[in-house]
Amino acid sequence: MLIQIQEPNCPWERVHMDWVTALPPGGDRSYNACLVLVDKDRKTPMLLPCHKDDTAMDTAIMIWNKGISHTGLFQNIISDRDPKFTSAL
């Protein structure tokens, strides 16, 4: 269902989210992907290193610990509907 989203009133109220995958392993935890959060209002990116096979729960915890803790709660998160977030019936 498509829902019209209002323009944001403050920074980090509306966030676009996508993954960059197939990266060479890097860092002390051998990250091979990056979750990209972009503030719709200011076009400011936040890059969160992660693993390509992280679960939806891993991603939610990462967004909570590394994203929301720095910006406050998001009103809207817009994504490409990755199959990772499709619930099983």
PDB file of N, CA and C in Angstrom:
ATOM      1  N   MET A   1       0.839  -1.164   0.000  1.00  0.00           N
ATOM      2  CA  MET A   1       0.000   0.000   0.000  1.00  0.00           C
ATOM      3  C   MET A   1       0.892   1.237   0.000  1.00  0.00           C
ATOM      4  N   LEU A   2       0.602   2.172  -0.856  1.00  0.00           N
ATOM      5  CA  LEU A   2       1.374   3.405  -0.924  1.00  0.00           C
ATOM      6  C   LEU A   2       0.751   4.458  -0.021  1.00  0.00           C
ATOM      7  N   ILE A   3       1.598   5.099   0.761  1.00  0.00           N
ATOM      8  CA  ILE A   3       1.152   6.141   1.679  1.00  0.00           C
ATOM      9  C   ILE A   3       1.978   7.389   1.419  1.00  0.00           C
ATOM     10  N   GLN A   4       1.315   8.524   1.241  1.00  0.00           N
ATOM     11  CA  GLN A   4       2.039   9.766   1.054  1.00  0.00           C
ATOM     12  C   GLN A   4       2.669  10.183   2.379  1.00  0.00           C
ATOM     13  N   ILE A   5       3.952  10.502   2.333  1.00  0.00           N
ATOM     14  CA  ILE A   5       4.687  10.872   3.535  1.00  0.00           C
ATOM     15  C   ILE A   5       4.909  12.373   3.532  1.00  0.00           C
ATOM     16  N   GLN A   6       4.606  13.007   4.661  1.00  0.00           N
ATOM     17  CA  GLN A   6       4.765  14.452   4.769  1.00  0.00           C
ATOM     18  C   GLN A   6       6.238  14.831   4.795  1.00  0.00           C
ATOM     19  N   GLU A   7       6.503  16.072   4.418  1.00  0.00           N
ATOM     20  CA  GLU A   7       7.871  16.582   4.463  1.00  0.00           C
ATOM     21  C   GLU A   7       8.358  16.607   5.906  1.00  0.00           C
ATOM     22  N   PRO A   8       9.634  16.294   6.112  1.00  0.00           N
ATOM     23  CA  PRO A   8      10.162  16.288   7.481  1.00  0.00           C
ATOM     24  C   PRO A   8      10.218  17.686   8.079  1.00  0.00           C
ATOM     25  N   ASN A   9       9.987  17.763   9.392  1.00  0.00           N
ATOM     26  CA  ASN A   9      10.051  19.034  10.112  1.00  0.00           C
ATOM     27  C   ASN A   9      11.416  19.276  10.739  1.00  0.00           C
ATOM     28  N   CYS A  10      12.164  18.206  10.964  1.00  0.00           N
ATOM     29  CA  CYS A  10      13.477  18.342  11.587  1.00  0.00           C
ATOM     30  C   CYS A  10      14.409  17.265  11.031  1.00  0.00           C
ATOM     31  N   PRO A  11      15.717  17.460  11.196  1.00  0.00           N
ATOM     32  CA  PRO A  11      16.682  16.484  10.686  1.00  0.00           C
ATOM     33  C   PRO A  11      16.451  15.087  11.265  1.00  0.00           C
ATOM     34  N   TRP A  12      16.702  14.080  10.451  1.00  0.00           N
ATOM     35  CA  TRP A  12      16.612  12.663  10.805  1.00  0.00           C
ATOM     36  C   TRP A  12      15.197  12.230  11.180  1.00  0.00           C
ATOM     37  N   GLU A  13      14.202  12.981  10.710  1.00  0.00           N
ATOM     38  CA  GLU A  13      12.819  12.560  10.933  1.00  0.00           C
ATOM     39  C   GLU A  13      12.417  11.512   9.898  1.00  0.00           C
ATOM     40  N   ARG A  14      12.856  11.714   8.644  1.00  0.00           N
ATOM     41  CA  ARG A  14      12.594  10.756   7.572  1.00  0.00           C
ATOM     42  C   ARG A  14      13.928  10.252   7.049  1.00  0.00           C
ATOM     43  N   VAL A  15      14.062   8.933   6.973  1.00  0.00           N
ATOM     44  CA  VAL A  15      15.328   8.308   6.619  1.00  0.00           C
ATOM     45  C   VAL A  15      15.117   7.328   5.470  1.00  0.00           C
ATOM     46  N   HIS A  16      16.009   7.375   4.495  1.00  0.00           N
ATOM     47  CA  HIS A  16      16.053   6.369   3.438  1.00  0.00           C
ATOM     48  C   HIS A  16      17.127   5.370   3.818  1.00  0.00           C
ATOM     49  N   MET A  17      16.876   4.088   3.554  1.00  0.00           N
ATOM     50  CA  MET A  17      17.778   3.037   3.995  1.00  0.00           C
ATOM     51  C   MET A  17      18.042   2.068   2.846  1.00  0.00           C
ATOM     52  N   ASP A  18      19.309   1.689   2.674  1.00  0.00           N
ATOM     53  CA  ASP A  18      19.669   0.687   1.673  1.00  0.00           C
ATOM     54  C   ASP A  18      21.002   0.071   2.064  1.00  0.00           C
ATOM     55  N   TRP A  19      21.322  -1.045   1.442  1.00  0.00           N
ATOM     56  CA  TRP A  19      22.578  -1.739   1.713  1.00  0.00           C
ATOM     57  C   TRP A  19      23.527  -1.628   0.539  1.00  0.00           C
ATOM     58  N   VAL A  20      24.812  -1.583   0.845  1.00  0.00           N
ATOM     59  CA  VAL A  20      25.880  -1.762  -0.133  1.00  0.00           C
ATOM     60  C   VAL A  20      26.521  -3.086   0.261  1.00  0.00           C
ATOM     61  N   THR A  21      26.508  -4.056  -0.652  1.00  0.00           N
ATOM     62  CA  THR A  21      27.016  -5.384  -0.322  1.00  0.00           C
ATOM     63  C   THR A  21      28.169  -5.765  -1.237  1.00  0.00           C
ATOM     64  N   ALA A  22      28.685  -6.957  -1.050  1.00  0.00           N
ATOM     65  CA  ALA A  22      29.796  -7.510  -1.832  1.00  0.00           C
ATOM     66  C   ALA A  22      31.060  -6.666  -1.699  1.00  0.00           C
ATOM     67  N   LEU A  23      31.258  -6.104  -0.518  1.00  0.00           N
ATOM     68  CA  LEU A  23      32.479  -5.348  -0.250  1.00  0.00           C
ATOM     69  C   LEU A  23      33.562  -6.311   0.226  1.00  0.00           C
ATOM     70  N   PRO A  24      34.834  -5.981   0.001  1.00  0.00           N
ATOM     71  CA  PRO A  24      35.892  -6.833   0.546  1.00  0.00           C
ATOM     72  C   PRO A  24      35.870  -6.745   2.072  1.00  0.00           C
ATOM     73  N   PRO A  25      36.119  -7.860   2.764  1.00  0.00           N
ATOM     74  CA  PRO A  25      36.098  -7.836   4.232  1.00  0.00           C
ATOM     75  C   PRO A  25      37.065  -6.795   4.784  1.00  0.00           C
ATOM     76  N   GLY A  26      36.619  -6.078   5.797  1.00  0.00           N
ATOM     77  CA  GLY A  26      37.462  -5.046   6.384  1.00  0.00           C
ATOM     78  C   GLY A  26      37.139  -4.811   7.843  1.00  0.00           C
ATOM     79  N   GLY A  27      38.066  -4.199   8.541  1.00  0.00           N
ATOM     80  CA  GLY A  27      37.882  -3.900   9.952  1.00  0.00           C
ATOM     81  C   GLY A  27      38.187  -5.099  10.824  1.00  0.00           C
ATOM     82  N   ASP A  28      38.158  -4.875  12.113  1.00  0.00           N
ATOM     83  CA  ASP A  28      38.493  -5.943  13.053  1.00  0.00           C
ATOM     84  C   ASP A  28      37.437  -7.046  13.095  1.00  0.00           C
ATOM     85  N   ARG A  29      36.242  -6.792  12.566  1.00  0.00           N
ATOM     86  CA  ARG A  29      35.178  -7.804  12.551  1.00  0.00           C
ATOM     87  C   ARG A  29      34.893  -8.309  11.141  1.00  0.00           C
ATOM     88  N   SER A  30      35.770  -7.992  10.187  1.00  0.00           N
ATOM     89  CA  SER A  30      35.647  -8.447   8.792  1.00  0.00           C
ATOM     90  C   SER A  30      34.283  -8.124   8.187  1.00  0.00           C
ATOM     91  N   TYR A  31      33.855  -6.871   8.336  1.00  0.00           N
ATOM     92  CA  TYR A  31      32.592  -6.436   7.736  1.00  0.00           C
ATOM     93  C   TYR A  31      32.677  -6.558   6.220  1.00  0.00           C
ATOM     94  N   ASN A  32      31.582  -6.992   5.572  1.00  0.00           N
ATOM     95  CA  ASN A  32      31.565  -7.118   4.120  1.00  0.00           C
ATOM     96  C   ASN A  32      30.360  -6.414   3.491  1.00  0.00           C
ATOM     97  N   ALA A  33      29.698  -5.567   4.257  1.00  0.00           N
ATOM     98  CA  ALA A  33      28.551  -4.803   3.756  1.00  0.00           C
ATOM     99  C   ALA A  33      28.439  -3.513   4.561  1.00  0.00           C
ATOM    100  N   CYS A  34      27.568  -2.631   4.089  1.00  0.00           N
ATOM    101  CA  CYS A  34      27.374  -1.357   4.774  1.00  0.00           C
ATOM    102  C   CYS A  34      25.900  -0.969   4.659  1.00  0.00           C
ATOM    103  N   LEU A  35      25.291  -0.663   5.783  1.00  0.00           N
ATOM    104  CA  LEU A  35      23.926  -0.144   5.788  1.00  0.00           C
ATOM    105  C   LEU A  35      24.026   1.371   5.680  1.00  0.00           C
ATOM    106  N   VAL A  36      23.347   1.931   4.689  1.00  0.00           N
ATOM    107  CA  VAL A  36      23.393   3.374   4.454  1.00  0.00           C
ATOM    108  C   VAL A  36      22.051   3.973   4.855  1.00  0.00           C
ATOM    109  N   LEU A  37      22.084   4.892   5.814  1.00  0.00           N
ATOM    110  CA  LEU A  37      20.911   5.664   6.212  1.00  0.00           C
ATOM    111  C   LEU A  37      21.139   7.090   5.739  1.00  0.00           C
ATOM    112  N   VAL A  38      20.167   7.664   5.040  1.00  0.00           N
ATOM    113  CA  VAL A  38      20.307   9.028   4.524  1.00  0.00           C
ATOM    114  C   VAL A  38      19.162   9.884   5.051  1.00  0.00           C
ATOM    115  N   ASP A  39      19.512  11.001   5.676  1.00  0.00           N
ATOM    116  CA  ASP A  39      18.526  11.961   6.162  1.00  0.00           C
ATOM    117  C   ASP A  39      17.893  12.650   4.962  1.00  0.00           C
ATOM    118  N   LYS A  40      16.585  12.517   4.802  1.00  0.00           N
ATOM    119  CA  LYS A  40      15.873  13.095   3.658  1.00  0.00           C
ATOM    120  C   LYS A  40      15.973  14.616   3.640  1.00  0.00           C
ATOM    121  N   ASP A  41      15.966  15.249   4.805  1.00  0.00           N
ATOM    122  CA  ASP A  41      15.967  16.707   4.893  1.00  0.00           C
ATOM    123  C   ASP A  41      17.312  17.304   4.486  1.00  0.00           C
ATOM    124  N   ARG A  42      18.391  16.811   5.065  1.00  0.00           N
ATOM    125  CA  ARG A  42      19.713  17.399   4.826  1.00  0.00           C
ATOM    126  C   ARG A  42      20.579  16.600   3.865  1.00  0.00           C
ATOM    127  N   LYS A  43      20.111  15.434   3.421  1.00  0.00           N
ATOM    128  CA  LYS A  43      20.872  14.549   2.529  1.00  0.00           C
ATOM    129  C   LYS A  43      22.178  14.096   3.177  1.00  0.00           C
ATOM    130  N   THR A  44      22.182  13.967   4.496  1.00  0.00           N
ATOM    131  CA  THR A  44      23.364  13.556   5.234  1.00  0.00           C
ATOM    132  C   THR A  44      23.362  12.038   5.380  1.00  0.00           C
ATOM    133  N   PRO A  45      24.440  11.358   4.954  1.00  0.00           N
ATOM    134  CA  PRO A  45      24.474   9.903   5.102  1.00  0.00           C
ATOM    135  C   PRO A  45      25.042   9.466   6.450  1.00  0.00           C
ATOM    136  N   MET A  46      24.611   8.308   6.889  1.00  0.00           N
ATOM    137  CA  MET A  46      25.209   7.626   8.030  1.00  0.00           C
ATOM    138  C   MET A  46      25.547   6.223   7.529  1.00  0.00           C
ATOM    139  N   LEU A  47      26.808   5.840   7.604  1.00  0.00           N
ATOM    140  CA  LEU A  47      27.265   4.548   7.110  1.00  0.00           C
ATOM    141  C   LEU A  47      27.529   3.626   8.292  1.00  0.00           C
ATOM    142  N   LEU A  48      26.840   2.489   8.314  1.00  0.00           N
ATOM    143  CA  LEU A  48      26.970   1.538   9.409  1.00  0.00           C
ATOM    144  C   LEU A  48      27.541   0.230   8.866  1.00  0.00           C
ATOM    145  N   PRO A  49      28.793  -0.097   9.188  1.00  0.00           N
ATOM    146  CA  PRO A  49      29.372  -1.351   8.701  1.00  0.00           C
ATOM    147  C   PRO A  49      28.626  -2.544   9.280  1.00  0.00           C
ATOM    148  N   CYS A  50      28.435  -3.570   8.448  1.00  0.00           N
ATOM    149  CA  CYS A  50      27.695  -4.754   8.885  1.00  0.00           C
ATOM    150  C   CYS A  50      28.143  -5.957   8.060  1.00  0.00           C
ATOM    151  N   HIS A  51      27.464  -7.069   8.243  1.00  0.00           N
ATOM    152  CA  HIS A  51      27.739  -8.282   7.481  1.00  0.00           C
ATOM    153  C   HIS A  51      26.584  -8.545   6.523  1.00  0.00           C
ATOM    154  N   LYS A  52      26.912  -9.058   5.352  1.00  0.00           N
ATOM    155  CA  LYS A  52      25.910  -9.306   4.320  1.00  0.00           C
ATOM    156  C   LYS A  52      24.802 -10.243   4.805  1.00  0.00           C
ATOM    157  N   ASP A  53      25.137 -11.181   5.683  1.00  0.00           N
ATOM    158  CA  ASP A  53      24.153 -12.155   6.141  1.00  0.00           C
ATOM    159  C   ASP A  53      23.505 -11.793   7.481  1.00  0.00           C
ATOM    160  N   ASP A  54      23.595 -10.537   7.908  1.00  0.00           N
ATOM    161  CA  ASP A  54      22.916 -10.103   9.131  1.00  0.00           C
ATOM    162  C   ASP A  54      21.407 -10.295   8.984  1.00  0.00           C
ATOM    163  N   THR A  55      20.753 -10.658  10.063  1.00  0.00           N
ATOM    164  CA  THR A  55      19.300 -10.854  10.057  1.00  0.00           C
ATOM    165  C   THR A  55      18.585  -9.515  10.253  1.00  0.00           C
ATOM    166  N   ALA A  56      17.266  -9.544  10.127  1.00  0.00           N
ATOM    167  CA  ALA A  56      16.472  -8.340  10.385  1.00  0.00           C
ATOM    168  C   ALA A  56      16.661  -7.884  11.828  1.00  0.00           C
ATOM    169  N   MET A  57      16.746  -8.827  12.763  1.00  0.00           N
ATOM    170  CA  MET A  57      16.958  -8.478  14.173  1.00  0.00           C
ATOM    171  C   MET A  57      18.331  -7.838  14.368  1.00  0.00           C
ATOM    172  N   ASP A  58      19.369  -8.392  13.725  1.00  0.00           N
ATOM    173  CA  ASP A  58      20.710  -7.792  13.799  1.00  0.00           C
ATOM    174  C   ASP A  58      20.675  -6.354  13.293  1.00  0.00           C
ATOM    175  N   THR A  59      19.961  -6.147  12.190  1.00  0.00           N
ATOM    176  CA  THR A  59      19.870  -4.815  11.596  1.00  0.00           C
ATOM    177  C   THR A  59      19.118  -3.860  12.515  1.00  0.00           C
ATOM    178  N   ALA A  60      18.019  -4.318  13.093  1.00  0.00           N
ATOM    179  CA  ALA A  60      17.244  -3.468  14.013  1.00  0.00           C
ATOM    180  C   ALA A  60      18.083  -3.063  15.221  1.00  0.00           C
ATOM    181  N   ILE A  61      18.827  -4.002  15.776  1.00  0.00           N
ATOM    182  CA  ILE A  61      19.684  -3.701  16.928  1.00  0.00           C
ATOM    183  C   ILE A  61      20.770  -2.711  16.536  1.00  0.00           C
ATOM    184  N   MET A  62      21.354  -2.899  15.346  1.00  0.00           N
ATOM    185  CA  MET A  62      22.399  -1.990  14.875  1.00  0.00           C
ATOM    186  C   MET A  62      21.835  -0.577  14.682  1.00  0.00           C
ATOM    187  N   ILE A  63      20.656  -0.459  14.070  1.00  0.00           N
ATOM    188  CA  ILE A  63      20.042   0.859  13.869  1.00  0.00           C
ATOM    189  C   ILE A  63      19.750   1.507  15.221  1.00  0.00           C
ATOM    190  N   TRP A  64      19.262   0.718  16.170  1.00  0.00           N
ATOM    191  CA  TRP A  64      18.958   1.261  17.500  1.00  0.00           C
ATOM    192  C   TRP A  64      20.227   1.739  18.198  1.00  0.00           C
ATOM    193  N   ASN A  65      21.265   0.895  18.210  1.00  0.00           N
ATOM    194  CA  ASN A  65      22.495   1.209  18.950  1.00  0.00           C
ATOM    195  C   ASN A  65      23.370   2.265  18.286  1.00  0.00           C
ATOM    196  N   LYS A  66      23.455   2.237  16.956  1.00  0.00           N
ATOM    197  CA  LYS A  66      24.389   3.126  16.264  1.00  0.00           C
ATOM    198  C   LYS A  66      23.711   4.283  15.543  1.00  0.00           C
ATOM    199  N   GLY A  67      22.435   4.157  15.222  1.00  0.00           N
ATOM    200  CA  GLY A  67      21.740   5.211  14.494  1.00  0.00           C
ATOM    201  C   GLY A  67      20.896   6.083  15.396  1.00  0.00           C
ATOM    202  N   ILE A  68      19.878   5.491  15.977  1.00  0.00           N
ATOM    203  CA  ILE A  68      18.918   6.244  16.786  1.00  0.00           C
ATOM    204  C   ILE A  68      19.573   6.854  18.022  1.00  0.00           C
ATOM    205  N   SER A  69      20.585   6.192  18.552  1.00  0.00           N
ATOM    206  CA  SER A  69      21.261   6.738  19.739  1.00  0.00           C
ATOM    207  C   SER A  69      21.945   8.068  19.441  1.00  0.00           C
ATOM    208  N   HIS A  70      22.265   8.332  18.162  1.00  0.00           N
ATOM    209  CA  HIS A  70      22.926   9.584  17.777  1.00  0.00           C
ATOM    210  C   HIS A  70      21.961  10.630  17.221  1.00  0.00           C
ATOM    211  N   THR A  71      20.824  10.186  16.684  1.00  0.00           N
ATOM    212  CA  THR A  71      19.943  11.111  15.977  1.00  0.00           C
ATOM    213  C   THR A  71      18.575  11.292  16.620  1.00  0.00           C
ATOM    214  N   GLY A  72      18.156  10.382  17.465  1.00  0.00           N
ATOM    215  CA  GLY A  72      16.791  10.356  17.968  1.00  0.00           C
ATOM    216  C   GLY A  72      15.943   9.446  17.088  1.00  0.00           C
ATOM    217  N   LEU A  73      14.704   9.201  17.500  1.00  0.00           N
ATOM    218  CA  LEU A  73      13.828   8.297  16.755  1.00  0.00           C
ATOM    219  C   LEU A  73      13.469   8.864  15.390  1.00  0.00           C
ATOM    220  N   PHE A  74      13.389   7.975  14.405  1.00  0.00           N
ATOM    221  CA  PHE A  74      12.958   8.348  13.058  1.00  0.00           C
ATOM    222  C   PHE A  74      11.434   8.272  13.007  1.00  0.00           C
ATOM    223  N   GLN A  75      10.802   9.183  12.279  1.00  0.00           N
ATOM    224  CA  GLN A  75       9.353   9.115  12.064  1.00  0.00           C
ATOM    225  C   GLN A  75       9.034   8.119  10.954  1.00  0.00           C
ATOM    226  N   ASN A  76       9.853   8.108   9.894  1.00  0.00           N
ATOM    227  CA  ASN A  76       9.644   7.233   8.746  1.00  0.00           C
ATOM    228  C   ASN A  76      10.980   6.642   8.327  1.00  0.00           C
ATOM    229  N   ILE A  77      10.959   5.358   7.980  1.00  0.00           N
ATOM    230  CA  ILE A  77      12.115   4.712   7.363  1.00  0.00           C
ATOM    231  C   ILE A  77      11.634   4.175   6.029  1.00  0.00           C
ATOM    232  N   ILE A  78      12.274   4.615   4.962  1.00  0.00           N
ATOM    233  CA  ILE A  78      11.894   4.203   3.618  1.00  0.00           C
ATOM    234  C   ILE A  78      12.990   3.287   3.095  1.00  0.00           C
ATOM    235  N   SER A  79      12.600   2.067   2.691  1.00  0.00           N
ATOM    236  CA  SER A  79      13.579   1.110   2.180  1.00  0.00           C
ATOM    237  C   SER A  79      13.072   0.515   0.874  1.00  0.00           C
ATOM    238  N   ASP A  80      13.900  -0.346   0.295  1.00  0.00           N
ATOM    239  CA  ASP A  80      13.540  -0.995  -0.965  1.00  0.00           C
ATOM    240  C   ASP A  80      12.792  -2.311  -0.734  1.00  0.00           C
ATOM    241  N   ARG A  81      12.300  -2.513   0.489  1.00  0.00           N
ATOM    242  CA  ARG A  81      11.550  -3.716   0.849  1.00  0.00           C
ATOM    243  C   ARG A  81      12.390  -4.965   0.647  1.00  0.00           C
ATOM    244  N   ASP A  82      13.577  -4.947   1.186  1.00  0.00           N
ATOM    245  CA  ASP A  82      14.479  -6.092   1.125  1.00  0.00           C
ATOM    246  C   ASP A  82      13.772  -7.342   1.652  1.00  0.00           C
ATOM    247  N   PRO A  83      13.965  -8.497   1.014  1.00  0.00           N
ATOM    248  CA  PRO A  83      13.324  -9.731   1.484  1.00  0.00           C
ATOM    249  C   PRO A  83      13.639 -10.059   2.947  1.00  0.00           C
ATOM    250  N   LYS A  84      14.720  -9.509   3.462  1.00  0.00           N
ATOM    251  CA  LYS A  84      15.090  -9.722   4.862  1.00  0.00           C
ATOM    252  C   LYS A  84      13.970  -9.273   5.800  1.00  0.00           C
ATOM    253  N   PHE A  85      13.192  -8.283   5.377  1.00  0.00           N
ATOM    254  CA  PHE A  85      12.145  -7.731   6.225  1.00  0.00           C
ATOM    255  C   PHE A  85      10.758  -8.268   5.891  1.00  0.00           C
ATOM    256  N   THR A  86      10.675  -9.276   5.042  1.00  0.00           N
ATOM    257  CA  THR A  86       9.396  -9.888   4.722  1.00  0.00           C
ATOM    258  C   THR A  86       9.106 -10.958   5.763  1.00  0.00           C
ATOM    259  N   SER A  87       7.984 -10.850   6.415  1.00  0.00           N
ATOM    260  CA  SER A  87       7.674 -11.815   7.475  1.00  0.00           C
ATOM    261  C   SER A  87       7.235 -13.148   6.885  1.00  0.00           C
ATOM    262  N   ALA A  88       7.498 -14.196   7.620  1.00  0.00           N
ATOM    263  CA  ALA A  88       7.075 -15.533   7.210  1.00  0.00           C
ATOM    264  C   ALA A  88       5.682 -15.808   7.773  1.00  0.00           C
ATOM    265  N   LEU A  89       4.858 -16.471   6.980  1.00  0.00           N
ATOM    266  CA  LEU A  89       3.507 -16.822   7.440  1.00  0.00           C
ATOM    267  C   LEU A  89       3.475 -18.251   7.907  1.00  0.00           C
TER     268      LEU A  89
END
